[in-house]
C-alpha atoms as a PDB file:
ATOM      1  CA  MET A   1      -4.138   3.537 -23.927  1.00  0.00           C
ATOM      2  CA  LEU A   2      -3.998  -0.065 -22.874  1.00  0.00           C
ATOM      3  CA  PRO A   3      -7.233  -2.173 -23.544  1.00  0.00           C
ATOM      4  CA  VAL A   4      -9.148  -2.645 -20.168  1.00  0.00           C
ATOM      5  CA  GLN A   5     -12.355  -4.242 -19.196  1.00  0.00           C
ATOM      6  CA  ASN A   6     -14.270  -4.239 -15.982  1.00  0.00           C
ATOM      7  CA  LEU A   7     -13.193  -6.482 -13.119  1.00  0.00           C
ATOM      8  CA  LYS A   8     -10.110  -7.929 -14.870  1.00  0.00           C
ATOM      9  CA  HIS A   9      -6.603  -8.663 -13.804  1.00  0.00           C
ATOM     10  CA  TYR A  10      -3.653  -7.294 -15.796  1.00  0.00           C
ATOM     11  CA  LYS A  11       0.169  -7.368 -16.011  1.00  0.00           C
ATOM     12  CA  GLU A  12       2.364  -4.761 -17.428  1.00  0.00           C
ATOM     13  CA  ASN A  13       6.197  -5.135 -17.669  1.00  0.00           C
ATOM     14  CA  ILE A  14       7.796  -2.029 -15.979  1.00  0.00           C
ATOM     15  CA  LYS A  15      11.481  -1.756 -15.113  1.00  0.00           C
ATOM     16  CA  GLY A  16      12.024  -5.206 -16.283  1.00  0.00           C
ATOM     17  CA  ILE A  17       9.349  -7.094 -14.107  1.00  0.00           C
ATOM     18  CA  ASP A  18       5.709  -8.022 -14.594  1.00  0.00           C
ATOM     19  CA  ILE A  19       3.620  -5.669 -12.415  1.00  0.00           C
ATOM     20  CA  HIS A  20      -0.018  -7.063 -11.479  1.00  0.00           C
ATOM     21  CA  TYR A  21      -2.783  -4.664 -11.281  1.00  0.00           C
ATOM     22  CA  GLU A  22      -6.563  -4.523 -11.137  1.00  0.00           C
ATOM     23  CA  TYR A  23      -8.498  -1.996 -13.276  1.00  0.00           C
ATOM     24  CA  HIS A  24     -12.082  -1.340 -12.352  1.00  0.00           C
ATOM     25  CA  LYS A  25     -13.297   1.022 -15.119  1.00  0.00           C
ATOM     26  CA  ASN A  26     -16.455   3.012 -14.292  1.00  0.00           C
ATOM     27  CA  ASP A  27     -17.432   4.929 -17.464  1.00  0.00           C
ATOM     28  CA  VAL A  28     -20.446   6.493 -15.888  1.00  0.00           C
ATOM     29  CA  THR A  29     -18.273   8.491 -13.432  1.00  0.00           C
ATOM     30  CA  SER A  30     -15.544   9.587 -15.870  1.00  0.00           C
ATOM     31  CA  ASP A  31     -15.868  13.016 -14.604  1.00  0.00           C
ATOM     32  CA  ARG A  32     -14.611  11.866 -11.048  1.00  0.00           C
ATOM     33  CA  PRO A  33     -10.871  11.296 -10.235  1.00  0.00           C
ATOM     34  CA  VAL A  34      -9.340   7.752 -10.633  1.00  0.00           C
ATOM     35  CA  LEU A  35      -8.432   6.203  -7.280  1.00  0.00           C
ATOM     36  CA  THR A  36      -5.083   4.392  -7.137  1.00  0.00           C
ATOM     37  CA  LEU A  37      -4.879   1.788  -4.378  1.00  0.00           C
ATOM     38  CA  LEU A  38      -1.529   1.012  -2.804  1.00  0.00           C
ATOM     39  CA  HIS A  39      -1.229  -1.850  -0.263  1.00  0.00           C
ATOM     40  CA  GLY A  40       1.010  -2.432   2.820  1.00  0.00           C
ATOM     41  CA  PHE A  41       4.026  -4.584   3.493  1.00  0.00           C
ATOM     42  CA  LEU A  42       3.442  -8.387   3.249  1.00  0.00           C
ATOM     43  CA  SER A  43       0.128  -7.678   1.712  1.00  0.00           C
ATOM     44  CA  SER A  44      -1.427  -7.232  -1.665  1.00  0.00           C
ATOM     45  CA  THR A  45      -4.458  -5.931  -3.615  1.00  0.00           C
ATOM     46  CA  PHE A  46      -6.418  -8.674  -1.614  1.00  0.00           C
ATOM     47  CA  SER A  47      -6.478  -6.368   1.401  1.00  0.00           C
ATOM     48  CA  TYR A  48      -8.832  -4.189  -0.477  1.00  0.00           C
ATOM     49  CA  ARG A  49     -11.153  -6.808  -1.279  1.00  0.00           C
ATOM     50  CA  ARG A  50     -14.067  -5.269   0.939  1.00  0.00           C
ATOM     51  CA  LEU A  51     -13.459  -1.806  -0.198  1.00  0.00           C
ATOM     52  CA  ILE A  52     -12.987  -2.152  -3.981  1.00  0.00           C
ATOM     53  CA  PRO A  53     -16.461  -3.154  -4.634  1.00  0.00           C
ATOM     54  CA  LEU A  54     -17.712  -0.166  -2.764  1.00  0.00           C
ATOM     55  CA  LEU A  55     -15.316   2.386  -4.304  1.00  0.00           C
ATOM     56  CA  SER A  56     -15.821   0.927  -7.958  1.00  0.00           C
ATOM     57  CA  LYS A  57     -19.604   1.974  -7.890  1.00  0.00           C
ATOM     58  CA  HIS A  58     -18.565   5.601  -7.718  1.00  0.00           C
ATOM     59  CA  TYR A  59     -15.036   5.739  -9.170  1.00  0.00           C
ATOM     60  CA  THR A  60     -12.742   4.121 -11.657  1.00  0.00           C
ATOM     61  CA  VAL A  61     -10.318   2.094  -9.500  1.00  0.00           C
ATOM     62  CA  VAL A  62      -6.713   1.005 -10.155  1.00  0.00           C
ATOM     63  CA  ALA A  63      -5.311  -1.298  -7.446  1.00  0.00           C
ATOM     64  CA  ILE A  64      -1.655  -2.398  -7.792  1.00  0.00           C
ATOM     65  CA  ASP A  65       0.430  -5.265  -6.364  1.00  0.00           C
ATOM     66  CA  LEU A  66       3.721  -3.622  -5.371  1.00  0.00           C
ATOM     67  CA  PRO A  67       6.873  -5.715  -5.917  1.00  0.00           C
ATOM     68  CA  PRO A  68       7.388  -8.359  -4.685  1.00  0.00           C
ATOM     69  CA  PHE A  69       3.866  -8.974  -3.254  1.00  0.00           C
ATOM     70  CA  GLY A  70       0.559 -10.417  -4.550  1.00  0.00           C
ATOM     71  CA  ARG A  71       0.715 -11.517  -8.185  1.00  0.00           C
ATOM     72  CA  THR A  72       3.550  -9.255  -9.001  1.00  0.00           C
ATOM     73  CA  GLU A  73       6.844 -10.880 -10.388  1.00  0.00           C
ATOM     74  CA  LYS A  74       9.338 -11.815  -7.648  1.00  0.00           C
ATOM     75  CA  SER A  75      12.795 -10.584  -8.663  1.00  0.00           C
ATOM     76  CA  SER A  76      16.259 -10.612  -6.993  1.00  0.00           C
ATOM     77  CA  THR A  77      17.567  -7.981  -9.376  1.00  0.00           C
ATOM     78  CA  PHE A  78      14.716  -5.233  -9.268  1.00  0.00           C
ATOM     79  CA  VAL A  79      15.620  -2.381  -6.886  1.00  0.00           C
ATOM     80  CA  HIS A  80      12.871  -2.707  -4.130  1.00  0.00           C
ATOM     81  CA  SER A  81      12.992   0.909  -2.820  1.00  0.00           C
ATOM     82  CA  TYR A  82      10.067   3.096  -2.178  1.00  0.00           C
ATOM     83  CA  GLN A  83      11.293   5.586  -4.695  1.00  0.00           C
ATOM     84  CA  ASN A  84      11.346   2.837  -7.376  1.00  0.00           C
ATOM     85  CA  PHE A  85       7.815   1.788  -6.283  1.00  0.00           C
ATOM     86  CA  ALA A  86       6.578   5.165  -6.850  1.00  0.00           C
ATOM     87  CA  GLU A  87       8.137   5.405 -10.251  1.00  0.00           C
ATOM     88  CA  VAL A  88       6.506   2.163 -11.130  1.00  0.00           C
ATOM     89  CA  VAL A  89       3.105   3.381 -10.102  1.00  0.00           C
ATOM     90  CA  ILE A  90       3.542   6.659 -11.994  1.00  0.00           C
ATOM     91  CA  GLU A  91       4.617   4.949 -15.153  1.00  0.00           C
ATOM     92  CA  LEU A  92       1.746   2.454 -15.048  1.00  0.00           C
ATOM     93  CA  LEU A  93      -0.864   5.340 -14.546  1.00  0.00           C
ATOM     94  CA  GLU A  94       0.842   7.008 -17.498  1.00  0.00           C
ATOM     95  CA  ARG A  95       0.491   3.991 -19.790  1.00  0.00           C
ATOM     96  CA  LEU A  96      -3.253   3.871 -18.657  1.00  0.00           C
ATOM     97  CA  SER A  97      -3.678   7.550 -19.880  1.00  0.00           C
ATOM     98  CA  ILE A  98      -4.720   8.544 -16.375  1.00  0.00           C
ATOM     99  CA  ASP A  99      -3.437  12.078 -15.924  1.00  0.00           C
ATOM    100  CA  GLU A 100      -5.196  12.744 -12.437  1.00  0.00           C
ATOM    101  CA  THR A 101      -5.565  10.406  -9.447  1.00  0.00           C
ATOM    102  CA  VAL A 102      -6.225  10.272  -5.772  1.00  0.00           C
ATOM    103  CA  MET A 103      -3.788   7.902  -4.003  1.00  0.00           C
ATOM    104  CA  ILE A 104      -4.965   5.707  -1.286  1.00  0.00           C
ATOM    105  CA  GLY A 105      -2.106   4.061   0.565  1.00  0.00           C
ATOM    106  CA  HIS A 106      -2.415   1.587   3.464  1.00  0.00           C
ATOM    107  CA  SER A 107       0.591   1.158   5.716  1.00  0.00           C
ATOM    108  CA  MET A 108       3.663   0.901   3.610  1.00  0.00           C
ATOM    109  CA  GLY A 109       1.534   2.062   0.631  1.00  0.00           C
ATOM    110  CA  GLY A 110       1.034   5.411   2.408  1.00  0.00           C
ATOM    111  CA  GLN A 111       4.698   5.976   2.042  1.00  0.00           C
ATOM    112  CA  VAL A 112       4.796   5.060  -1.618  1.00  0.00           C
ATOM    113  CA  ALA A 113       1.858   7.479  -2.168  1.00  0.00           C
ATOM    114  CA  LEU A 114       3.609  10.349  -0.470  1.00  0.00           C
ATOM    115  CA  ARG A 115       6.712   9.707  -2.693  1.00  0.00           C
ATOM    116  CA  ALA A 116       4.619   9.508  -5.782  1.00  0.00           C
ATOM    117  CA  SER A 117       2.917  12.822  -5.002  1.00  0.00           C
ATOM    118  CA  GLY A 118       6.388  14.448  -4.436  1.00  0.00           C
ATOM    119  CA  LEU A 119       7.469  13.081  -7.793  1.00  0.00           C
ATOM    120  CA  ASN A 120       4.482  14.217  -9.820  1.00  0.00           C
ATOM    121  CA  GLY A 121       2.250  16.631  -7.966  1.00  0.00           C
ATOM    122  CA  ASP A 122       0.289  17.219 -11.297  1.00  0.00           C
ATOM    123  CA  LEU A 123      -0.811  13.615 -11.366  1.00  0.00           C
ATOM    124  CA  VAL A 124      -1.404  13.120  -7.605  1.00  0.00           C
ATOM    125  CA  LYS A 125      -4.138  15.522  -6.544  1.00  0.00           C
ATOM    126  CA  LYS A 126      -4.882  14.211  -3.119  1.00  0.00           C
ATOM    127  CA  ASN A 127      -3.568  11.411  -0.807  1.00  0.00           C
ATOM    128  CA  ILE A 128      -5.689   9.410   1.606  1.00  0.00           C
ATOM    129  CA  LEU A 129      -3.382   7.622   4.087  1.00  0.00           C
ATOM    130  CA  LEU A 130      -4.716   4.585   5.851  1.00  0.00           C
ATOM    131  CA  CYS A 131      -2.591   3.748   8.974  1.00  0.00           C
ATOM    132  CA  SER A 132       0.389   5.006   6.976  1.00  0.00           C
ATOM    133  CA  SER A 133       3.897   3.760   7.872  1.00  0.00           C
ATOM    134  CA  GLY A 134       5.968   6.750   9.087  1.00  0.00           C
ATOM    135  CA  TYR A 135       9.391   7.621  10.432  1.00  0.00           C
ATOM    136  CA  LEU A 136      10.820   4.179  10.013  1.00  0.00           C
ATOM    137  CA  GLU A 137      14.502   4.188   9.544  1.00  0.00           C
ATOM    138  CA  LYS A 138      16.460   2.283   6.842  1.00  0.00           C
ATOM    139  CA  ALA A 139      17.562  -1.240   7.904  1.00  0.00           C
ATOM    140  CA  LYS A 140      20.514  -1.381  10.193  1.00  0.00           C
ATOM    141  CA  GLN A 141      23.896  -1.932   8.530  1.00  0.00           C
ATOM    142  CA  SER A 142      24.438  -5.077  10.460  1.00  0.00           C
ATOM    143  CA  LEU A 143      21.153  -6.514   9.065  1.00  0.00           C
ATOM    144  CA  VAL A 144      22.197  -5.495   5.556  1.00  0.00           C
ATOM    145  CA  TYR A 145      25.490  -7.211   5.869  1.00  0.00           C
ATOM    146  CA  SER A 146      23.843 -10.366   7.270  1.00  0.00           C
ATOM    147  CA  SER A 147      21.537 -10.501   4.157  1.00  0.00           C
ATOM    148  CA  TYR A 148      24.554 -11.496   2.076  1.00  0.00           C
ATOM    149  CA  LEU A 149      25.032 -14.481   4.137  1.00  0.00           C
ATOM    150  CA  PRO A 150      24.222 -17.911   2.359  1.00  0.00           C
ATOM    151  CA  PHE A 151      20.660 -19.121   2.874  1.00  0.00           C
ATOM    152  CA  PHE A 152      19.756 -15.825   4.635  1.00  0.00           C
ATOM    153  CA  SER A 153      16.395 -16.004   2.654  1.00  0.00           C
ATOM    154  CA  MET A 154      15.580 -19.309   4.379  1.00  0.00           C
ATOM    155  CA  TYR A 155      16.207 -17.614   7.725  1.00  0.00           C
ATOM    156  CA  LEU A 156      13.854 -14.806   6.729  1.00  0.00           C
ATOM    157  CA  LYS A 157      11.236 -17.266   5.646  1.00  0.00           C
ATOM    158  CA  ARG A 158      11.250 -18.950   9.111  1.00  0.00           C
ATOM    159  CA  TRP A 159      11.244 -15.507  10.927  1.00  0.00           C
ATOM    160  CA  LEU A 160       8.217 -14.258   9.211  1.00  0.00           C
ATOM    161  CA  SER A 161       6.317 -17.606   9.679  1.00  0.00           C
ATOM    162  CA  ARG A 162       7.097 -18.047  13.347  1.00  0.00           C
ATOM    163  CA  LYS A 163       3.410 -16.676  14.393  1.00  0.00           C
ATOM    164  CA  GLY A 164       1.821 -18.068  11.403  1.00  0.00           C
ATOM    165  CA  ALA A 165      -0.811 -16.252   9.155  1.00  0.00           C
ATOM    166  CA  LYS A 166      -3.535 -16.172  11.729  1.00  0.00           C
ATOM    167  CA  GLY A 167      -1.228 -15.102  14.515  1.00  0.00           C
ATOM    168  CA  ASN A 168      -0.007 -12.037  12.416  1.00  0.00           C
ATOM    169  CA  LEU A 169      -3.568 -11.059  11.325  1.00  0.00           C
ATOM    170  CA  ILE A 170      -4.626 -11.254  15.039  1.00  0.00           C
ATOM    171  CA  ASN A 171      -2.115  -8.540  15.794  1.00  0.00           C
ATOM    172  CA  CYS A 172      -3.480  -6.355  12.872  1.00  0.00           C
ATOM    173  CA  VAL A 173      -7.149  -6.351  13.725  1.00  0.00           C
ATOM    174  CA  TYR A 174      -9.288  -5.090  16.792  1.00  0.00           C
ATOM    175  CA  ASP A 175     -11.809  -7.969  16.615  1.00  0.00           C
ATOM    176  CA  PRO A 176     -10.185 -11.476  16.101  1.00  0.00           C
ATOM    177  CA  GLU A 177     -13.708 -12.644  15.009  1.00  0.00           C
ATOM    178  CA  LEU A 178     -13.171 -11.021  11.711  1.00  0.00           C
ATOM    179  CA  ILE A 179     -10.527 -13.478  10.786  1.00  0.00           C
ATOM    180  CA  ASP A 180     -11.941 -16.377   8.782  1.00  0.00           C
ATOM    181  CA  GLU A 181     -10.467 -19.047   6.532  1.00  0.00           C
ATOM    182  CA  GLU A 182     -10.850 -16.969   3.384  1.00  0.00           C
ATOM    183  CA  MET A 183      -9.030 -14.099   4.991  1.00  0.00           C
ATOM    184  CA  VAL A 184      -6.024 -16.327   6.060  1.00  0.00           C
ATOM    185  CA  ASP A 185      -5.821 -18.008   2.751  1.00  0.00           C
ATOM    186  CA  GLY A 186      -5.923 -14.633   0.929  1.00  0.00           C
ATOM    187  CA  TYR A 187      -2.889 -13.297   2.917  1.00  0.00           C
ATOM    188  CA  ILE A 188      -0.813 -16.382   2.886  1.00  0.00           C
ATOM    189  CA  GLN A 189      -1.255 -17.398  -0.779  1.00  0.00           C
ATOM    190  CA  PRO A 190       1.648 -15.179  -2.226  1.00  0.00           C
ATOM    191  CA  PHE A 191       4.094 -16.725   0.159  1.00  0.00           C
ATOM    192  CA  PHE A 192       3.884 -20.246  -1.295  1.00  0.00           C
ATOM    193  CA  ASN A 193       6.111 -18.741  -4.170  1.00  0.00           C
ATOM    194  CA  GLU A 194       9.537 -19.141  -2.675  1.00  0.00           C
ATOM    195  CA  GLY A 195      10.991 -16.261  -4.871  1.00  0.00           C
ATOM    196  CA  ILE A 196       9.379 -13.714  -2.605  1.00  0.00           C
ATOM    197  CA  PHE A 197      11.785 -14.372   0.256  1.00  0.00           C
ATOM    198  CA  ARG A 198      14.680 -13.710  -2.115  1.00  0.00           C
ATOM    199  CA  SER A 199      12.964 -10.456  -3.147  1.00  0.00           C
ATOM    200  CA  LEU A 200      12.371  -9.544   0.464  1.00  0.00           C
ATOM    201  CA  VAL A 201      16.230  -9.995   1.099  1.00  0.00           C
ATOM    202  CA  ARG A 202      16.649  -7.419  -1.691  1.00  0.00           C
ATOM    203  CA  MET A 203      14.211  -5.158  -0.072  1.00  0.00           C
ATOM    204  CA  ILE A 204      16.162  -5.132   3.175  1.00  0.00           C
ATOM    205  CA  ARG A 205      19.152  -3.880   1.370  1.00  0.00           C
ATOM    206  CA  ASP A 206      17.242  -1.383  -1.061  1.00  0.00           C
ATOM    207  CA  ARG A 207      14.630   0.084   1.133  1.00  0.00           C
ATOM    208  CA  GLU A 208      15.438   3.814   2.192  1.00  0.00           C
ATOM    209  CA  GLY A 209      13.922   5.148   5.397  1.00  0.00           C
ATOM    210  CA  ASP A 210      10.493   6.744   5.415  1.00  0.00           C
ATOM    211  CA  LEU A 211      10.268  10.338   4.551  1.00  0.00           C
ATOM    212  CA  SER A 212      11.802  12.655   7.219  1.00  0.00           C
ATOM    213  CA  GLU A 213       9.978  15.563   8.902  1.00  0.00           C
ATOM    214  CA  GLU A 214      11.730  18.022   6.486  1.00  0.00           C
ATOM    215  CA  GLU A 215      10.559  15.918   3.490  1.00  0.00           C
ATOM    216  CA  LEU A 216       7.110  15.693   4.673  1.00  0.00           C
ATOM    217  CA  ARG A 217       6.828  19.430   5.244  1.00  0.00           C
ATOM    218  CA  THR A 218       7.529  19.911   1.509  1.00  0.00           C
ATOM    219  CA  ILE A 219       4.452  17.906   0.392  1.00  0.00           C
ATOM    220  CA  GLU A 220       1.691  20.338  -0.352  1.00  0.00           C
ATOM    221  CA  THR A 221      -0.664  17.606  -1.551  1.00  0.00           C
ATOM    222  CA  PRO A 222      -3.970  17.768   0.320  1.00  0.00           C
ATOM    223  CA  SER A 223      -4.026  14.494   2.606  1.00  0.00           C
ATOM    224  CA  LEU A 224      -6.588  12.819   4.702  1.00  0.00           C
ATOM    225  CA  LEU A 225      -5.162  10.369   7.349  1.00  0.00           C
ATOM    226  CA  ILE A 226      -7.495   7.736   8.692  1.00  0.00           C
ATOM    227  CA  TRP A 227      -6.328   5.705  11.592  1.00  0.00           C
ATOM    228  CA  GLY A 228      -7.577   2.862  13.946  1.00  0.00           C
ATOM    229  CA  GLU A 229      -7.558   3.778  17.443  1.00  0.00           C
ATOM    230  CA  HIS A 230      -6.082   0.346  18.548  1.00  0.00           C
ATOM    231  CA  ASP A 231      -3.552  -0.031  15.774  1.00  0.00           C
ATOM    232  CA  LYS A 232      -0.743  -2.054  17.148  1.00  0.00           C
ATOM    233  CA  VAL A 233       1.376  -2.099  13.903  1.00  0.00           C
ATOM    234  CA  VAL A 234       1.526   1.740  13.332  1.00  0.00           C
ATOM    235  CA  PRO A 235       0.301   3.329  16.552  1.00  0.00           C
ATOM    236  CA  LEU A 236      -2.003   6.308  16.405  1.00  0.00           C
ATOM    237  CA  GLN A 237       0.938   8.677  17.723  1.00  0.00           C
ATOM    238  CA  ILE A 238       2.410   8.090  14.273  1.00  0.00           C
ATOM    239  CA  GLY A 239      -0.729   9.331  12.597  1.00  0.00           C
ATOM    240  CA  LYS A 240      -0.816  12.342  14.870  1.00  0.00           C
ATOM    241  CA  ARG A 241       2.771  12.969  14.135  1.00  0.00           C
ATOM    242  CA  LEU A 242       2.225  12.827  10.301  1.00  0.00           C
ATOM    243  CA  ALA A 243      -0.858  15.063  10.551  1.00  0.00           C
ATOM    244  CA  LYS A 244       1.387  17.674  12.249  1.00  0.00           C
ATOM    245  CA  ASP A 245       4.334  17.410   9.784  1.00  0.00           C
ATOM    246  CA  LEU A 246       2.134  17.153   6.475  1.00  0.00           C
ATOM    247  CA  PRO A 247       1.149  20.843   5.773  1.00  0.00           C
ATOM    248  CA  ASN A 248      -2.394  20.246   4.210  1.00  0.00           C
ATOM    249  CA  SER A 249      -3.580  17.286   6.194  1.00  0.00           C
ATOM    250  CA  GLU A 250      -6.385  16.223   8.581  1.00  0.00           C
ATOM    251  CA  LEU A 251      -6.764  13.103  10.794  1.00  0.00           C
ATOM    252  CA  ILE A 252      -9.852  10.885  11.443  1.00  0.00           C
ATOM    253  CA  VAL A 253      -9.687   8.256  14.116  1.00  0.00           C
ATOM    254  CA  TYR A 254     -11.921   5.186  14.163  1.00  0.00           C
ATOM    255  CA  GLU A 255     -12.755   3.753  17.569  1.00  0.00           C
ATOM    256  CA  LYS A 256     -12.673  -0.112  18.068  1.00  0.00           C
ATOM    257  CA  THR A 257     -10.405  -0.536  14.892  1.00  0.00           C
ATOM    258  CA  GLY A 258      -6.947  -1.948  14.337  1.00  0.00           C
ATOM    259  CA  HIS A 259      -4.505  -1.651  11.536  1.00  0.00           C
ATOM    260  CA  LEU A 260      -6.401  -3.532   8.683  1.00  0.00           C
ATOM    261  CA  LEU A 261      -8.688  -0.569   7.966  1.00  0.00           C
ATOM    262  CA  PRO A 262      -9.934  -1.662   4.497  1.00  0.00           C
ATOM    263  CA  GLU A 263     -10.989  -4.993   6.033  1.00  0.00           C
ATOM    264  CA  GLU A 264     -12.520  -3.642   9.283  1.00  0.00           C
ATOM    265  CA  GLN A 265     -14.157  -0.361   8.280  1.00  0.00           C
ATOM    266  CA  PRO A 266     -14.859  -0.351   4.455  1.00  0.00           C
ATOM    267  CA  HIS A 267     -18.179   1.513   4.571  1.00  0.00           C
ATOM    268  CA  SER A 268     -16.811   4.208   6.876  1.00  0.00           C
ATOM    269  CA  ILE A 269     -13.751   4.616   4.681  1.00  0.00           C
ATOM    270  CA  LEU A 270     -16.043   5.057   1.508  1.00  0.00           C
ATOM    271  CA  ARG A 271     -17.957   7.683   3.243  1.00  0.00           C
ATOM    272  CA  ASP A 272     -14.932   9.664   4.402  1.00  0.00           C
ATOM    273  CA  ILE A 273     -13.267   9.199   0.974  1.00  0.00           C
ATOM    274  CA  GLN A 274     -16.380  10.716  -0.755  1.00  0.00           C
ATOM    275  CA  THR A 275     -16.509  13.685   1.625  1.00  0.00           C
ATOM    276  CA  PHE A 276     -12.754  14.230   1.282  1.00  0.00           C
ATOM    277  CA  ILE A 277     -12.773  14.193  -2.578  1.00  0.00           C
ATOM    278  CA  GLN A 278     -15.954  16.264  -2.912  1.00  0.00           C
ATOM    279  CA  ARG A 279     -14.435  19.117  -0.688  1.00  0.00           C
END
């Protein structure tokens, strides 16, 4: 087992790149499942900053920066597919000698959690999907072809920054008053590394579509879906559709809440996670 200490940041080389993760070990609650936190697109473990301190009082928590986000290495050769992300997550947990976990996936992280549970149902005992991505198709072939043009990564950078960090965050939360300087800095910091844009170009080419209805119906892992009533990024109708297609699932909807559930409703999420796990 890898040496770990409370509240420390670590890196592990998996599939040829350095994967950053946080390991919050709680020896007092060793009889409880380990929680594995997976963030969304253009995000990082920072998005769980309000939730991790609450969860780590009751559980051991592993939070992972999926490639190429957060502090994880930016690579233009790594295959940035959901399948590869799921394999990275599973391998990291195996190296940490974790044989059972509850996956918590926000937005894109929900798709990764579902794929991981499909790959290793013995490892993933339950899924908790926070405004999970769903039913997105693979990038259009015209966009994939365009990604091979010279300087496409520069165009992508300009396109992503057109609204600015605060503008993008306003679209993600119900109450704009929640957005402060610390929040803006935390979400924008990883994008000062120019390598991330070359990695995102690779992700346009590699990302398969979200799981289909048929694939979702084969996932027997018990799943709790938590949604913001006012989610503009992944609308509530996606949550209702996922709840219908996932066999062993239930849906909880928070009023006056947008897409950034871990930022907006950490205490409510903790309560519902505990109830779901205990059940």
